[in-house]
Amino acid sequence: MTTLQIFICFLAICFWGGMIGVFFRTPITAWFHNRFGRDKPLLPPEGEMPEPFSFKRREDDQKKS
């Protein structure tokens, strides 16, 4: 293989890569924004927020002690 043939192959690969990039630009950009973009903060639910755990002792625990 001569240097000219290697250069032409490299040029063709770059050309096809550019064509694919231009054709699929919108879906690729949307995917990158979805994958690496910042998420929107979650809105709090309506009403009061329940506590993740309670500091109060249950009635069963109070009877045992």
PDB file of N, CA and C in Angstrom:
ATOM      1  N   MET A   1       0.842  -1.185   0.000  1.00  0.00           N
ATOM      2  CA  MET A   1       0.000   0.000   0.000  1.00  0.00           C
ATOM      3  C   MET A   1       0.883   1.243   0.000  1.00  0.00           C
ATOM      4  N   THR A   2       0.564   2.116  -0.877  1.00  0.00           N
ATOM      5  CA  THR A   2       1.346   3.343  -0.948  1.00  0.00           C
ATOM      6  C   THR A   2       0.783   4.371   0.039  1.00  0.00           C
ATOM      7  N   THR A   3       1.544   5.392   0.224  1.00  0.00           N
ATOM      8  CA  THR A   3       1.119   6.463   1.127  1.00  0.00           C
ATOM      9  C   THR A   3      -0.139   7.149   0.599  1.00  0.00           C
ATOM     10  N   LEU A   4      -0.239   7.277  -0.700  1.00  0.00           N
ATOM     11  CA  LEU A   4      -1.423   7.903  -1.306  1.00  0.00           C
ATOM     12  C   LEU A   4      -2.680   7.086  -1.021  1.00  0.00           C
ATOM     13  N   GLN A   5      -2.600   5.779  -1.114  1.00  0.00           N
ATOM     14  CA  GLN A   5      -3.749   4.922  -0.829  1.00  0.00           C
ATOM     15  C   GLN A   5      -4.150   5.007   0.645  1.00  0.00           C
ATOM     16  N   ILE A   6      -3.170   5.046   1.536  1.00  0.00           N
ATOM     17  CA  ILE A   6      -3.474   5.186   2.968  1.00  0.00           C
ATOM     18  C   ILE A   6      -4.144   6.524   3.228  1.00  0.00           C
ATOM     19  N   PHE A   7      -3.649   7.585   2.591  1.00  0.00           N
ATOM     20  CA  PHE A   7      -4.237   8.910   2.760  1.00  0.00           C
ATOM     21  C   PHE A   7      -5.666   8.950   2.229  1.00  0.00           C
ATOM     22  N   ILE A   8      -5.913   8.334   1.086  1.00  0.00           N
ATOM     23  CA  ILE A   8      -7.266   8.303   0.514  1.00  0.00           C
ATOM     24  C   ILE A   8      -8.215   7.499   1.413  1.00  0.00           C
ATOM     25  N   CYS A   9      -7.752   6.381   1.965  1.00  0.00           N
ATOM     26  CA  CYS A   9      -8.586   5.604   2.908  1.00  0.00           C
ATOM     27  C   CYS A   9      -8.914   6.419   4.150  1.00  0.00           C
ATOM     28  N   PHE A  10      -7.919   7.105   4.688  1.00  0.00           N
ATOM     29  CA  PHE A  10      -8.131   7.943   5.870  1.00  0.00           C
ATOM     30  C   PHE A  10      -9.109   9.070   5.563  1.00  0.00           C
ATOM     31  N   LEU A  11      -8.963   9.668   4.392  1.00  0.00           N
ATOM     32  CA  LEU A  11      -9.859  10.749   3.974  1.00  0.00           C
ATOM     33  C   LEU A  11     -11.290  10.244   3.809  1.00  0.00           C
ATOM     34  N   ALA A  12     -11.449   9.044   3.249  1.00  0.00           N
ATOM     35  CA  ALA A  12     -12.790   8.465   3.070  1.00  0.00           C
ATOM     36  C   ALA A  12     -13.430   8.157   4.421  1.00  0.00           C
ATOM     37  N   ILE A  13     -12.646   7.630   5.351  1.00  0.00           N
ATOM     38  CA  ILE A  13     -13.184   7.329   6.692  1.00  0.00           C
ATOM     39  C   ILE A  13     -13.621   8.623   7.382  1.00  0.00           C
ATOM     40  N   CYS A  14     -12.818   9.675   7.262  1.00  0.00           N
ATOM     41  CA  CYS A  14     -13.205  10.964   7.861  1.00  0.00           C
ATOM     42  C   CYS A  14     -14.456  11.528   7.187  1.00  0.00           C
ATOM     43  N   PHE A  15     -14.545  11.375   5.879  1.00  0.00           N
ATOM     44  CA  PHE A  15     -15.712  11.871   5.153  1.00  0.00           C
ATOM     45  C   PHE A  15     -16.982  11.145   5.602  1.00  0.00           C
ATOM     46  N   TRP A  16     -16.925   9.818   5.687  1.00  0.00           N
ATOM     47  CA  TRP A  16     -18.102   9.057   6.112  1.00  0.00           C
ATOM     48  C   TRP A  16     -18.460   9.359   7.560  1.00  0.00           C
ATOM     49  N   GLY A  17     -17.470   9.510   8.402  1.00  0.00           N
ATOM     50  CA  GLY A  17     -17.739   9.887   9.800  1.00  0.00           C
ATOM     51  C   GLY A  17     -18.416  11.242   9.900  1.00  0.00           C
ATOM     52  N   GLY A  18     -17.967  12.184   9.068  1.00  0.00           N
ATOM     53  CA  GLY A  18     -18.595  13.510   9.049  1.00  0.00           C
ATOM     54  C   GLY A  18     -20.020  13.459   8.546  1.00  0.00           C
ATOM     55  N   MET A  19     -20.262  12.647   7.517  1.00  0.00           N
ATOM     56  CA  MET A  19     -21.619  12.509   6.982  1.00  0.00           C
ATOM     57  C   MET A  19     -22.567  11.918   8.035  1.00  0.00           C
ATOM     58  N   ILE A  20     -22.106  10.896   8.724  1.00  0.00           N
ATOM     59  CA  ILE A  20     -22.930  10.277   9.776  1.00  0.00           C
ATOM     60  C   ILE A  20     -23.163  11.268  10.906  1.00  0.00           C
ATOM     61  N   GLY A  21     -22.128  12.015  11.278  1.00  0.00           N
ATOM     62  CA  GLY A  21     -22.276  13.015  12.336  1.00  0.00           C
ATOM     63  C   GLY A  21     -23.278  14.097  11.993  1.00  0.00           C
ATOM     64  N   VAL A  22     -23.262  14.552  10.748  1.00  0.00           N
ATOM     65  CA  VAL A  22     -24.218  15.587  10.323  1.00  0.00           C
ATOM     66  C   VAL A  22     -25.628  15.025  10.268  1.00  0.00           C
ATOM     67  N   PHE A  23     -25.764  13.812   9.756  1.00  0.00           N
ATOM     68  CA  PHE A  23     -27.091  13.215   9.607  1.00  0.00           C
ATOM     69  C   PHE A  23     -27.738  12.924  10.964  1.00  0.00           C
ATOM     70  N   PHE A  24     -26.964  12.408  11.924  1.00  0.00           N
ATOM     71  CA  PHE A  24     -27.504  12.041  13.228  1.00  0.00           C
ATOM     72  C   PHE A  24     -27.190  13.071  14.315  1.00  0.00           C
ATOM     73  N   ARG A  25     -26.944  14.311  13.927  1.00  0.00           N
ATOM     74  CA  ARG A  25     -26.544  15.339  14.894  1.00  0.00           C
ATOM     75  C   ARG A  25     -27.610  15.582  15.956  1.00  0.00           C
ATOM     76  N   THR A  26     -28.865  15.714  15.561  1.00  0.00           N
ATOM     77  CA  THR A  26     -29.928  16.016  16.519  1.00  0.00           C
ATOM     78  C   THR A  26     -30.142  14.879  17.521  1.00  0.00           C
ATOM     79  N   PRO A  27     -30.257  13.606  17.088  1.00  0.00           N
ATOM     80  CA  PRO A  27     -30.413  12.534  18.091  1.00  0.00           C
ATOM     81  C   PRO A  27     -29.190  12.372  18.992  1.00  0.00           C
ATOM     82  N   ILE A  28     -27.997  12.574  18.420  1.00  0.00           N
ATOM     83  CA  ILE A  28     -26.782  12.444  19.239  1.00  0.00           C
ATOM     84  C   ILE A  28     -26.729  13.557  20.281  1.00  0.00           C
ATOM     85  N   THR A  29     -27.077  14.776  19.893  1.00  0.00           N
ATOM     86  CA  THR A  29     -27.066  15.887  20.849  1.00  0.00           C
ATOM     87  C   THR A  29     -28.097  15.673  21.945  1.00  0.00           C
ATOM     88  N   ALA A  30     -29.286  15.208  21.567  1.00  0.00           N
ATOM     89  CA  ALA A  30     -30.316  14.943  22.580  1.00  0.00           C
ATOM     90  C   ALA A  30     -29.851  13.853  23.540  1.00  0.00           C
ATOM     91  N   TRP A  31     -29.179  12.831  23.014  1.00  0.00           N
ATOM     92  CA  TRP A  31     -28.687  11.750  23.874  1.00  0.00           C
ATOM     93  C   TRP A  31     -27.621  12.277  24.837  1.00  0.00           C
ATOM     94  N   PHE A  32     -26.698  13.121  24.352  1.00  0.00           N
ATOM     95  CA  PHE A  32     -25.661  13.663  25.228  1.00  0.00           C
ATOM     96  C   PHE A  32     -26.266  14.540  26.308  1.00  0.00           C
ATOM     97  N   HIS A  33     -27.266  15.353  25.964  1.00  0.00           N
ATOM     98  CA  HIS A  33     -27.903  16.198  26.970  1.00  0.00           C
ATOM     99  C   HIS A  33     -28.637  15.351  28.006  1.00  0.00           C
ATOM    100  N   ASN A  34     -29.252  14.268  27.560  1.00  0.00           N
ATOM    101  CA  ASN A  34     -29.968  13.392  28.477  1.00  0.00           C
ATOM    102  C   ASN A  34     -28.990  12.628  29.364  1.00  0.00           C
ATOM    103  N   ARG A  35     -27.882  12.193  28.797  1.00  0.00           N
ATOM    104  CA  ARG A  35     -26.933  11.360  29.525  1.00  0.00           C
ATOM    105  C   ARG A  35     -26.064  12.170  30.471  1.00  0.00           C
ATOM    106  N   PHE A  36     -25.533  13.303  30.025  1.00  0.00           N
ATOM    107  CA  PHE A  36     -24.560  14.056  30.804  1.00  0.00           C
ATOM    108  C   PHE A  36     -25.086  15.391  31.302  1.00  0.00           C
ATOM    109  N   GLY A  37     -26.305  15.765  30.943  1.00  0.00           N
ATOM    110  CA  GLY A  37     -26.847  17.049  31.381  1.00  0.00           C
ATOM    111  C   GLY A  37     -27.320  17.003  32.822  1.00  0.00           C
ATOM    112  N   ARG A  38     -27.568  18.149  33.342  1.00  0.00           N
ATOM    113  CA  ARG A  38     -28.031  18.260  34.715  1.00  0.00           C
ATOM    114  C   ARG A  38     -29.519  17.950  34.784  1.00  0.00           C
ATOM    115  N   ASP A  39     -29.924  17.181  35.766  1.00  0.00           N
ATOM    116  CA  ASP A  39     -31.335  16.847  35.926  1.00  0.00           C
ATOM    117  C   ASP A  39     -32.084  18.022  36.533  1.00  0.00           C
ATOM    118  N   LYS A  40     -33.372  18.090  36.219  1.00  0.00           N
ATOM    119  CA  LYS A  40     -34.212  19.119  36.834  1.00  0.00           C
ATOM    120  C   LYS A  40     -34.501  18.702  38.272  1.00  0.00           C
ATOM    121  N   PRO A  41     -34.513  19.654  39.215  1.00  0.00           N
ATOM    122  CA  PRO A  41     -34.802  19.279  40.597  1.00  0.00           C
ATOM    123  C   PRO A  41     -36.238  18.786  40.750  1.00  0.00           C
ATOM    124  N   LEU A  42     -36.420  17.811  41.599  1.00  0.00           N
ATOM    125  CA  LEU A  42     -37.754  17.266  41.833  1.00  0.00           C
ATOM    126  C   LEU A  42     -38.588  18.242  42.645  1.00  0.00           C
ATOM    127  N   LEU A  43     -39.832  18.363  42.295  1.00  0.00           N
ATOM    128  CA  LEU A  43     -40.733  19.232  43.030  1.00  0.00           C
ATOM    129  C   LEU A  43     -41.243  18.496  44.264  1.00  0.00           C
ATOM    130  N   PRO A  44     -41.406  19.191  45.392  1.00  0.00           N
ATOM    131  CA  PRO A  44     -41.936  18.508  46.569  1.00  0.00           C
ATOM    132  C   PRO A  44     -43.389  18.117  46.359  1.00  0.00           C
ATOM    133  N   PRO A  45     -43.800  16.989  46.922  1.00  0.00           N
ATOM    134  CA  PRO A  45     -45.206  16.577  46.761  1.00  0.00           C
ATOM    135  C   PRO A  45     -46.134  17.510  47.531  1.00  0.00           C
ATOM    136  N   GLU A  46     -47.384  17.459  47.169  1.00  0.00           N
ATOM    137  CA  GLU A  46     -48.374  18.297  47.846  1.00  0.00           C
ATOM    138  C   GLU A  46     -48.538  17.839  49.295  1.00  0.00           C
ATOM    139  N   GLY A  47     -48.800  18.773  50.177  1.00  0.00           N
ATOM    140  CA  GLY A  47     -49.018  18.429  51.584  1.00  0.00           C
ATOM    141  C   GLY A  47     -47.704  18.348  52.356  1.00  0.00           C
ATOM    142  N   GLU A  48     -47.774  17.731  53.527  1.00  0.00           N
ATOM    143  CA  GLU A  48     -46.594  17.639  54.380  1.00  0.00           C
ATOM    144  C   GLU A  48     -45.696  16.507  53.929  1.00  0.00           C
ATOM    145  N   MET A  49     -44.431  16.705  54.175  1.00  0.00           N
ATOM    146  CA  MET A  49     -43.457  15.658  53.865  1.00  0.00           C
ATOM    147  C   MET A  49     -43.406  14.688  55.044  1.00  0.00           C
ATOM    148  N   PRO A  50     -43.559  13.384  54.809  1.00  0.00           N
ATOM    149  CA  PRO A  50     -43.442  12.442  55.917  1.00  0.00           C
ATOM    150  C   PRO A  50     -41.983  12.310  56.345  1.00  0.00           C
ATOM    151  N   GLU A  51     -41.778  12.080  57.630  1.00  0.00           N
ATOM    152  CA  GLU A  51     -40.423  11.895  58.124  1.00  0.00           C
ATOM    153  C   GLU A  51     -39.907  10.547  57.664  1.00  0.00           C
ATOM    154  N   PRO A  52     -38.624  10.449  57.348  1.00  0.00           N
ATOM    155  CA  PRO A  52     -38.100   9.162  56.903  1.00  0.00           C
ATOM    156  C   PRO A  52     -38.109   8.118  58.012  1.00  0.00           C
ATOM    157  N   PHE A  53     -37.965   8.559  59.267  1.00  0.00           N
ATOM    158  CA  PHE A  53     -38.083   7.660  60.405  1.00  0.00           C
ATOM    159  C   PHE A  53     -38.546   8.475  61.595  1.00  0.00           C
ATOM    160  N   SER A  54     -39.051   7.810  62.580  1.00  0.00           N
ATOM    161  CA  SER A  54     -39.625   8.503  63.726  1.00  0.00           C
ATOM    162  C   SER A  54     -38.699   8.352  64.931  1.00  0.00           C
ATOM    163  N   PHE A  55     -38.576   9.432  65.692  1.00  0.00           N
ATOM    164  CA  PHE A  55     -37.776   9.381  66.908  1.00  0.00           C
ATOM    165  C   PHE A  55     -38.600   8.920  68.105  1.00  0.00           C
ATOM    166  N   LYS A  56     -39.917   8.834  67.927  1.00  0.00           N
ATOM    167  CA  LYS A  56     -40.789   8.424  69.027  1.00  0.00           C
ATOM    168  C   LYS A  56     -40.728   6.912  69.186  1.00  0.00           C
ATOM    169  N   ARG A  57     -40.816   6.466  70.411  1.00  0.00           N
ATOM    170  CA  ARG A  57     -40.829   5.030  70.666  1.00  0.00           C
ATOM    171  C   ARG A  57     -42.227   4.494  70.424  1.00  0.00           C
ATOM    172  N   ARG A  58     -42.296   3.314  69.874  1.00  0.00           N
ATOM    173  CA  ARG A  58     -43.592   2.696  69.638  1.00  0.00           C
ATOM    174  C   ARG A  58     -44.149   2.178  70.960  1.00  0.00           C
ATOM    175  N   GLU A  59     -45.441   1.911  70.978  1.00  0.00           N
ATOM    176  CA  GLU A  59     -46.085   1.432  72.205  1.00  0.00           C
ATOM    177  C   GLU A  59     -45.570   0.053  72.591  1.00  0.00           C
ATOM    178  N   ASP A  60     -45.287  -0.796  71.634  1.00  0.00           N
ATOM    179  CA  ASP A  60     -44.779  -2.137  71.930  1.00  0.00           C
ATOM    180  C   ASP A  60     -43.427  -2.062  72.640  1.00  0.00           C
ATOM    181  N   ASP A  61     -42.576  -1.132  72.226  1.00  0.00           N
ATOM    182  CA  ASP A  61     -41.254  -0.999  72.851  1.00  0.00           C
ATOM    183  C   ASP A  61     -41.380  -0.459  74.266  1.00  0.00           C
ATOM    184  N   GLN A  62     -42.372   0.405  74.516  1.00  0.00           N
ATOM    185  CA  GLN A  62     -42.542   0.964  75.849  1.00  0.00           C
ATOM    186  C   GLN A  62     -43.046  -0.073  76.821  1.00  0.00           C
ATOM    187  N   LYS A  63     -43.857  -1.030  76.364  1.00  0.00           N
ATOM    188  CA  LYS A  63     -44.385  -2.057  77.254  1.00  0.00           C
ATOM    189  C   LYS A  63     -43.286  -3.034  77.665  1.00  0.00           C
ATOM    190  N   LYS A  64     -42.321  -3.309  76.811  1.00  0.00           N
ATOM    191  CA  LYS A  64     -41.250  -4.255  77.120  1.00  0.00           C
ATOM    192  C   LYS A  64     -40.328  -3.726  78.195  1.00  0.00           C
ATOM    193  N   SER A  65     -40.073  -2.436  78.242  1.00  0.00           N
ATOM    194  CA  SER A  65     -39.103  -1.929  79.206  1.00  0.00           C
ATOM    195  C   SER A  65     -39.703  -1.510  80.515  1.00  0.00           C
TER     196      SER A  65
END
